[in-house]
């Protein structure tokens, strides 16, 4: 049986680390939960119990229940939006299920002043899907 995992890719240029570590952790939780919520909302089987995972082509992939039993999650990082877009495109081309997470981001202009930017792409989720297929897309991206 294939090993199923979910990989999140987060862009780091919008966080001022280590000060924003809590915000970064919250964004990871949002991205992870969003794909899970979508799968539960949209993937219910006719019996109303089983949840199925579909790829970009609408074909059934892994079984959500199988992934929930062993919910492997990796969080990787990229330096900017361009890199994030690159890996998102590769994942879609590989037919892997993907999801974007956009949020309002607060950029620190000075030690006491921040500016809000709405609807900023923070990261993407790839999977849950076969871990080997995801690895062919993300390669050796560093862990966050």
N, C-alpha and C. Protein backbone atom coordinates (compact mmCIF):
# COMPACT_ATOMS: atom_id res chain seq x y z
N UNK A 1 0.84 -1.18 0.00
CA UNK A 1 0.00 0.00 0.00
C UNK A 1 0.89 1.25 0.00
N UNK A 2 0.50 2.24 -0.74
CA UNK A 2 1.27 3.48 -0.84
C UNK A 2 1.24 4.26 0.46
N UNK A 3 2.32 4.95 0.72
CA UNK A 3 2.38 5.85 1.87
C UNK A 3 1.73 7.17 1.46
N UNK A 4 0.74 7.60 2.22
CA UNK A 4 -0.01 8.82 1.90
C UNK A 4 0.47 9.95 2.80
N UNK A 5 0.74 11.12 2.22
CA UNK A 5 1.05 12.27 3.06
C UNK A 5 0.52 13.55 2.42
N UNK A 6 0.62 14.60 3.18
CA UNK A 6 0.27 15.94 2.72
C UNK A 6 1.51 16.80 2.93
N UNK A 7 1.83 17.59 1.94
CA UNK A 7 2.97 18.50 2.05
C UNK A 7 2.47 19.91 1.85
N UNK A 8 2.84 20.77 2.78
CA UNK A 8 2.52 22.19 2.67
C UNK A 8 3.79 22.92 2.26
N UNK A 9 3.64 23.90 1.41
CA UNK A 9 4.76 24.76 1.02
C UNK A 9 4.39 26.19 1.38
N UNK A 10 5.21 26.80 2.21
CA UNK A 10 4.96 28.14 2.73
C UNK A 10 6.04 29.08 2.21
N UNK A 11 5.62 30.27 1.79
CA UNK A 11 6.62 31.27 1.41
C UNK A 11 7.06 32.03 2.65
N UNK A 12 8.34 32.23 2.78
CA UNK A 12 8.89 32.82 4.01
C UNK A 12 9.14 34.33 3.91
N UNK A 13 9.02 34.91 2.73
CA UNK A 13 9.33 36.33 2.58
C UNK A 13 8.30 37.25 3.24
N UNK A 14 7.16 36.70 3.63
CA UNK A 14 6.12 37.55 4.23
C UNK A 14 6.10 37.45 5.75
N UNK A 15 7.06 36.75 6.32
CA UNK A 15 7.14 36.60 7.78
C UNK A 15 8.45 37.17 8.28
N UNK A 16 8.39 37.84 9.40
CA UNK A 16 9.57 38.37 10.06
C UNK A 16 9.90 37.43 11.22
N UNK A 17 10.74 36.45 10.92
CA UNK A 17 11.05 35.44 11.94
C UNK A 17 12.23 35.89 12.78
N UNK A 18 12.27 35.60 14.05
CA UNK A 18 11.39 34.70 14.79
C UNK A 18 10.16 35.39 15.39
N UNK A 19 10.02 36.70 15.22
CA UNK A 19 8.88 37.41 15.84
C UNK A 19 7.53 36.87 15.38
N UNK A 20 7.42 36.46 14.13
CA UNK A 20 6.15 36.02 13.57
C UNK A 20 5.94 34.51 13.63
N UNK A 21 6.65 33.81 14.50
CA UNK A 21 6.55 32.35 14.54
C UNK A 21 5.13 31.88 14.86
N UNK A 22 4.43 32.58 15.74
CA UNK A 22 3.05 32.20 16.05
C UNK A 22 2.14 32.40 14.85
N UNK A 23 2.32 33.50 14.13
CA UNK A 23 1.54 33.76 12.92
C UNK A 23 1.83 32.69 11.86
N UNK A 24 3.08 32.34 11.71
CA UNK A 24 3.47 31.31 10.76
C UNK A 24 2.82 29.97 11.13
N UNK A 25 2.83 29.62 12.40
CA UNK A 25 2.20 28.37 12.85
C UNK A 25 0.70 28.39 12.56
N UNK A 26 0.06 29.52 12.76
CA UNK A 26 -1.38 29.64 12.48
C UNK A 26 -1.65 29.45 10.99
N UNK A 27 -0.81 30.00 10.14
CA UNK A 27 -1.00 29.86 8.69
C UNK A 27 -0.87 28.40 8.28
N UNK A 28 0.10 27.69 8.86
CA UNK A 28 0.26 26.26 8.57
C UNK A 28 -1.02 25.51 8.95
N UNK A 29 -1.57 25.81 10.11
CA UNK A 29 -2.80 25.16 10.56
C UNK A 29 -3.96 25.48 9.61
N UNK A 30 -4.06 26.73 9.17
CA UNK A 30 -5.13 27.12 8.24
C UNK A 30 -5.03 26.33 6.93
N UNK A 31 -3.83 26.26 6.37
CA UNK A 31 -3.64 25.57 5.09
C UNK A 31 -3.98 24.10 5.24
N UNK A 32 -3.49 23.49 6.30
CA UNK A 32 -3.73 22.06 6.53
C UNK A 32 -5.22 21.78 6.70
N UNK A 33 -5.88 22.59 7.50
CA UNK A 33 -7.29 22.35 7.76
C UNK A 33 -8.16 22.65 6.54
N UNK A 34 -7.79 23.62 5.73
CA UNK A 34 -8.60 23.99 4.58
C UNK A 34 -8.78 22.82 3.62
N UNK A 35 -7.71 22.13 3.30
CA UNK A 35 -7.84 20.99 2.37
C UNK A 35 -8.65 19.88 3.02
N UNK A 36 -8.46 19.69 4.32
CA UNK A 36 -9.22 18.67 5.03
C UNK A 36 -10.71 19.01 5.02
N UNK A 37 -11.03 20.26 5.30
CA UNK A 37 -12.42 20.70 5.29
C UNK A 37 -13.03 20.54 3.90
N UNK A 38 -12.29 20.92 2.87
CA UNK A 38 -12.80 20.78 1.50
C UNK A 38 -13.08 19.33 1.15
N UNK A 39 -12.17 18.43 1.56
CA UNK A 39 -12.37 17.01 1.25
C UNK A 39 -13.60 16.47 1.95
N UNK A 40 -13.80 16.86 3.19
CA UNK A 40 -14.98 16.40 3.92
C UNK A 40 -16.24 16.99 3.29
N UNK A 41 -16.19 18.26 2.94
CA UNK A 41 -17.35 18.95 2.38
C UNK A 41 -17.72 18.43 0.99
N UNK A 42 -16.73 18.20 0.14
CA UNK A 42 -16.99 17.88 -1.26
C UNK A 42 -16.81 16.40 -1.60
N UNK A 43 -16.15 15.65 -0.74
CA UNK A 43 -15.79 14.29 -1.12
C UNK A 43 -16.59 13.19 -0.50
N UNK A 44 -17.73 13.50 0.10
CA UNK A 44 -18.52 12.45 0.72
C UNK A 44 -19.02 11.47 -0.34
N UNK A 45 -18.83 10.21 -0.07
CA UNK A 45 -19.31 9.16 -0.94
C UNK A 45 -20.84 9.07 -0.81
N UNK A 46 -21.48 8.31 -1.67
CA UNK A 46 -22.94 8.18 -1.65
C UNK A 46 -23.47 7.66 -0.33
N UNK A 47 -22.65 6.88 0.38
CA UNK A 47 -23.12 6.35 1.66
C UNK A 47 -23.05 7.38 2.78
N UNK A 48 -22.47 8.55 2.48
CA UNK A 48 -22.38 9.62 3.47
C UNK A 48 -21.34 9.39 4.54
N UNK A 49 -20.54 8.35 4.38
CA UNK A 49 -19.54 8.03 5.40
C UNK A 49 -18.12 8.15 4.88
N UNK A 50 -17.85 7.60 3.71
CA UNK A 50 -16.49 7.59 3.18
C UNK A 50 -16.17 8.93 2.53
N UNK A 51 -14.98 9.37 2.72
CA UNK A 51 -14.51 10.60 2.09
C UNK A 51 -13.40 10.21 1.13
N UNK A 52 -13.51 10.66 -0.10
CA UNK A 52 -12.54 10.32 -1.12
C UNK A 52 -11.68 11.52 -1.47
N UNK A 53 -10.46 11.27 -1.88
CA UNK A 53 -9.55 12.33 -2.30
C UNK A 53 -9.46 12.28 -3.82
N UNK A 54 -9.63 13.43 -4.46
CA UNK A 54 -9.59 13.50 -5.90
C UNK A 54 -8.39 14.32 -6.36
N UNK A 55 -7.82 13.93 -7.52
CA UNK A 55 -6.71 14.71 -8.07
C UNK A 55 -7.24 15.83 -8.95
N UNK A 56 -6.34 16.55 -9.59
CA UNK A 56 -6.72 17.71 -10.41
C UNK A 56 -7.62 17.32 -11.60
N UNK A 57 -7.52 16.07 -12.05
CA UNK A 57 -8.34 15.62 -13.17
C UNK A 57 -9.71 15.09 -12.71
N UNK A 58 -9.97 15.15 -11.42
CA UNK A 58 -11.24 14.67 -10.89
C UNK A 58 -11.29 13.17 -10.69
N UNK A 59 -10.13 12.50 -10.81
CA UNK A 59 -10.07 11.06 -10.61
C UNK A 59 -9.86 10.76 -9.13
N UNK A 60 -10.46 9.65 -8.67
CA UNK A 60 -10.29 9.28 -7.27
C UNK A 60 -8.85 8.88 -7.02
N UNK A 61 -8.29 9.43 -5.96
CA UNK A 61 -6.94 9.09 -5.55
C UNK A 61 -7.00 8.27 -4.28
N UNK A 62 -6.35 8.74 -3.27
CA UNK A 62 -6.27 8.02 -1.99
C UNK A 62 -7.58 8.13 -1.22
N UNK A 63 -7.74 7.25 -0.28
CA UNK A 63 -8.88 7.26 0.61
C UNK A 63 -8.55 8.14 1.81
N UNK A 64 -9.40 9.11 2.08
CA UNK A 64 -9.17 10.05 3.17
C UNK A 64 -9.05 9.33 4.51
N UNK A 65 -9.89 8.32 4.71
CA UNK A 65 -9.85 7.59 5.98
C UNK A 65 -8.49 6.93 6.19
N UNK A 66 -7.90 6.44 5.11
CA UNK A 66 -6.57 5.82 5.21
C UNK A 66 -5.55 6.86 5.68
N UNK A 67 -5.63 8.07 5.13
CA UNK A 67 -4.69 9.12 5.51
C UNK A 67 -4.91 9.59 6.94
N UNK A 68 -6.16 9.67 7.37
CA UNK A 68 -6.46 10.13 8.72
C UNK A 68 -5.87 9.17 9.76
N UNK A 69 -5.82 7.89 9.45
CA UNK A 69 -5.26 6.92 10.38
C UNK A 69 -3.76 7.16 10.60
N UNK A 70 -3.07 7.62 9.59
CA UNK A 70 -1.65 7.94 9.69
C UNK A 70 -1.42 9.26 8.94
N UNK A 71 -1.78 10.38 9.57
CA UNK A 71 -1.78 11.68 8.86
C UNK A 71 -0.39 12.33 8.78
N UNK A 72 0.45 11.81 7.91
CA UNK A 72 1.78 12.39 7.74
C UNK A 72 1.67 13.75 7.07
N UNK A 73 2.37 14.70 7.65
CA UNK A 73 2.36 16.08 7.16
C UNK A 73 3.78 16.61 7.17
N UNK A 74 4.21 17.15 6.03
CA UNK A 74 5.50 17.82 5.94
C UNK A 74 5.26 19.28 5.62
N UNK A 75 6.07 20.16 6.19
CA UNK A 75 5.96 21.59 5.91
C UNK A 75 7.31 22.03 5.35
N UNK A 76 7.27 22.49 4.11
CA UNK A 76 8.48 22.92 3.39
C UNK A 76 8.41 24.43 3.20
N UNK A 77 9.54 25.02 2.83
CA UNK A 77 9.56 26.47 2.64
C UNK A 77 10.17 26.84 1.31
N UNK A 78 9.68 27.97 0.79
CA UNK A 78 10.25 28.60 -0.39
C UNK A 78 10.47 30.08 -0.06
N UNK A 79 11.38 30.74 -0.75
CA UNK A 79 11.73 32.11 -0.38
C UNK A 79 10.75 33.19 -0.83
N UNK A 80 9.89 32.89 -1.84
CA UNK A 80 9.06 33.97 -2.39
C UNK A 80 7.88 33.42 -3.20
N UNK A 81 7.05 34.33 -3.69
CA UNK A 81 5.86 33.97 -4.45
C UNK A 81 6.21 33.24 -5.75
N UNK A 82 7.25 33.66 -6.43
CA UNK A 82 7.63 33.02 -7.69
C UNK A 82 7.95 31.55 -7.49
N UNK A 83 8.69 31.24 -6.44
CA UNK A 83 9.03 29.85 -6.16
C UNK A 83 7.79 29.06 -5.79
N UNK A 84 6.90 29.66 -5.01
CA UNK A 84 5.65 28.99 -4.63
C UNK A 84 4.82 28.68 -5.88
N UNK A 85 4.68 29.64 -6.77
CA UNK A 85 3.95 29.44 -8.02
C UNK A 85 4.56 28.31 -8.85
N UNK A 86 5.88 28.22 -8.87
CA UNK A 86 6.59 27.18 -9.62
C UNK A 86 6.20 25.79 -9.12
N UNK A 87 6.24 25.60 -7.80
CA UNK A 87 5.93 24.28 -7.25
C UNK A 87 4.43 23.96 -7.35
N UNK A 88 3.60 24.99 -7.28
CA UNK A 88 2.16 24.78 -7.46
C UNK A 88 1.89 24.28 -8.88
N UNK A 89 2.53 24.88 -9.85
CA UNK A 89 2.37 24.47 -11.25
C UNK A 89 2.85 23.03 -11.44
N UNK A 90 4.00 22.68 -10.86
CA UNK A 90 4.52 21.32 -10.99
C UNK A 90 3.55 20.30 -10.38
N UNK A 91 2.98 20.63 -9.24
CA UNK A 91 2.04 19.71 -8.57
C UNK A 91 0.80 19.51 -9.42
N UNK A 92 0.28 20.58 -10.00
CA UNK A 92 -0.90 20.46 -10.86
C UNK A 92 -0.59 19.62 -12.09
N UNK A 93 0.59 19.86 -12.70
CA UNK A 93 0.98 19.09 -13.88
C UNK A 93 1.13 17.61 -13.56
N UNK A 94 1.51 17.29 -12.33
CA UNK A 94 1.65 15.89 -11.90
C UNK A 94 0.31 15.27 -11.54
N UNK A 95 -0.77 16.07 -11.60
CA UNK A 95 -2.11 15.56 -11.29
C UNK A 95 -2.37 15.37 -9.81
N UNK A 96 -1.58 16.03 -8.97
CA UNK A 96 -1.75 15.91 -7.52
C UNK A 96 -2.82 16.89 -7.03
N UNK A 97 -3.56 16.52 -6.00
CA UNK A 97 -4.54 17.47 -5.44
C UNK A 97 -3.81 18.62 -4.77
N UNK A 98 -4.22 19.83 -5.09
CA UNK A 98 -3.59 21.02 -4.51
C UNK A 98 -4.65 21.97 -3.99
N UNK A 99 -4.22 22.84 -3.11
CA UNK A 99 -5.11 23.86 -2.58
C UNK A 99 -4.26 25.07 -2.21
N UNK A 100 -4.75 26.26 -2.52
CA UNK A 100 -4.06 27.50 -2.16
C UNK A 100 -4.62 28.04 -0.85
N UNK A 101 -3.79 28.75 -0.11
CA UNK A 101 -4.27 29.46 1.07
C UNK A 101 -3.88 30.92 0.92
N UNK A 102 -4.90 31.79 0.86
CA UNK A 102 -4.69 33.23 0.81
C UNK A 102 -5.22 33.83 2.10
N UNK A 103 -4.55 34.87 2.59
CA UNK A 103 -4.96 35.49 3.84
C UNK A 103 -4.50 36.94 3.83
N UNK A 104 -4.98 37.69 4.79
CA UNK A 104 -4.47 39.04 5.00
C UNK A 104 -3.14 38.93 5.73
N UNK A 105 -2.13 39.58 5.19
CA UNK A 105 -0.79 39.52 5.77
C UNK A 105 -0.42 40.91 6.25
N UNK A 106 0.15 40.96 7.43
CA UNK A 106 0.59 42.23 8.01
C UNK A 106 2.10 42.34 7.89
N UNK A 107 2.55 43.34 7.12
CA UNK A 107 3.97 43.55 6.92
C UNK A 107 4.45 44.61 7.89
N UNK A 108 5.52 44.28 8.60
CA UNK A 108 6.08 45.20 9.59
C UNK A 108 6.88 46.29 8.87
N UNK A 109 6.39 47.53 8.96
CA UNK A 109 7.06 48.66 8.34
C UNK A 109 8.11 49.27 9.27
N UNK A 110 7.88 49.13 10.56
CA UNK A 110 8.81 49.62 11.58
C UNK A 110 8.53 48.80 12.84
N UNK A 111 9.32 48.98 13.88
CA UNK A 111 9.06 48.20 15.10
C UNK A 111 7.67 48.40 15.70
N UNK A 112 7.02 49.51 15.37
CA UNK A 112 5.71 49.79 15.96
C UNK A 112 4.58 49.89 14.94
N UNK A 113 4.88 49.69 13.66
CA UNK A 113 3.87 49.92 12.62
C UNK A 113 3.81 48.76 11.63
N UNK A 114 2.57 48.31 11.33
CA UNK A 114 2.35 47.26 10.34
C UNK A 114 1.33 47.75 9.32
N UNK A 115 1.40 47.18 8.11
CA UNK A 115 0.42 47.48 7.08
C UNK A 115 -0.22 46.18 6.62
N UNK A 116 -1.54 46.18 6.46
CA UNK A 116 -2.28 44.99 6.04
C UNK A 116 -2.34 44.90 4.52
N UNK A 117 -2.09 43.70 4.01
CA UNK A 117 -2.24 43.40 2.59
C UNK A 117 -3.22 42.23 2.48
N UNK A 118 -4.43 42.46 1.95
CA UNK A 118 -5.43 41.39 1.88
C UNK A 118 -5.18 40.44 0.72
N UNK A 119 -5.69 39.21 0.86
CA UNK A 119 -5.71 38.23 -0.22
C UNK A 119 -4.33 37.88 -0.77
N UNK A 120 -3.37 37.69 0.11
CA UNK A 120 -2.01 37.34 -0.27
C UNK A 120 -1.86 35.82 -0.25
N UNK A 121 -1.27 35.25 -1.30
CA UNK A 121 -1.02 33.81 -1.34
C UNK A 121 0.10 33.48 -0.36
N UNK A 122 -0.25 32.76 0.70
CA UNK A 122 0.69 32.42 1.78
C UNK A 122 1.36 31.09 1.50
N UNK A 123 0.60 30.12 1.01
CA UNK A 123 1.16 28.80 0.79
C UNK A 123 0.19 27.90 0.05
N UNK A 124 0.67 26.70 -0.22
CA UNK A 124 -0.16 25.70 -0.90
C UNK A 124 -0.08 24.38 -0.15
N UNK A 125 -1.07 23.57 -0.39
CA UNK A 125 -1.11 22.20 0.11
C UNK A 125 -1.05 21.27 -1.09
N UNK A 126 -0.24 20.23 -0.99
CA UNK A 126 -0.20 19.19 -2.01
C UNK A 126 -0.60 17.89 -1.32
N UNK A 127 -1.62 17.25 -1.86
CA UNK A 127 -2.07 16.00 -1.26
C UNK A 127 -3.26 16.24 -0.37
N UNK A 128 -3.60 15.27 0.44
CA UNK A 128 -2.94 14.00 0.66
C UNK A 128 -2.89 13.17 -0.63
N UNK A 129 -1.74 12.57 -0.83
CA UNK A 129 -1.50 11.75 -2.02
C UNK A 129 -0.30 10.86 -1.74
N UNK A 130 0.02 10.03 -2.69
CA UNK A 130 1.17 9.14 -2.58
C UNK A 130 2.43 9.96 -2.30
N UNK A 131 3.12 9.61 -1.24
CA UNK A 131 4.30 10.37 -0.81
C UNK A 131 5.39 10.40 -1.88
N UNK A 132 5.56 9.31 -2.62
CA UNK A 132 6.59 9.29 -3.66
C UNK A 132 6.25 10.25 -4.80
N UNK A 133 4.96 10.36 -5.16
CA UNK A 133 4.57 11.30 -6.21
C UNK A 133 4.80 12.74 -5.75
N UNK A 134 4.48 13.02 -4.49
CA UNK A 134 4.72 14.37 -3.97
C UNK A 134 6.21 14.67 -3.97
N UNK A 135 7.01 13.69 -3.56
CA UNK A 135 8.46 13.89 -3.49
C UNK A 135 9.06 14.22 -4.86
N UNK A 136 8.48 13.65 -5.95
CA UNK A 136 9.00 13.96 -7.28
C UNK A 136 8.76 15.42 -7.64
N UNK A 137 7.76 16.05 -7.01
CA UNK A 137 7.46 17.46 -7.28
C UNK A 137 8.29 18.38 -6.38
N UNK A 138 8.32 18.09 -5.09
CA UNK A 138 8.97 19.02 -4.14
C UNK A 138 10.48 18.79 -4.02
N UNK A 139 10.94 17.63 -4.47
CA UNK A 139 12.38 17.35 -4.44
C UNK A 139 12.96 17.51 -3.05
N UNK A 140 14.03 18.27 -2.96
CA UNK A 140 14.72 18.45 -1.69
C UNK A 140 14.48 19.82 -1.08
N UNK A 141 13.26 20.36 -1.27
CA UNK A 141 12.93 21.63 -0.61
C UNK A 141 13.18 21.48 0.88
N UNK A 142 13.75 22.51 1.50
CA UNK A 142 14.02 22.39 2.95
C UNK A 142 12.76 22.44 3.77
N UNK A 143 12.81 21.73 4.91
CA UNK A 143 11.73 21.79 5.87
C UNK A 143 11.69 23.18 6.48
N UNK A 144 10.51 23.61 6.86
CA UNK A 144 10.35 24.91 7.51
C UNK A 144 10.77 24.81 8.96
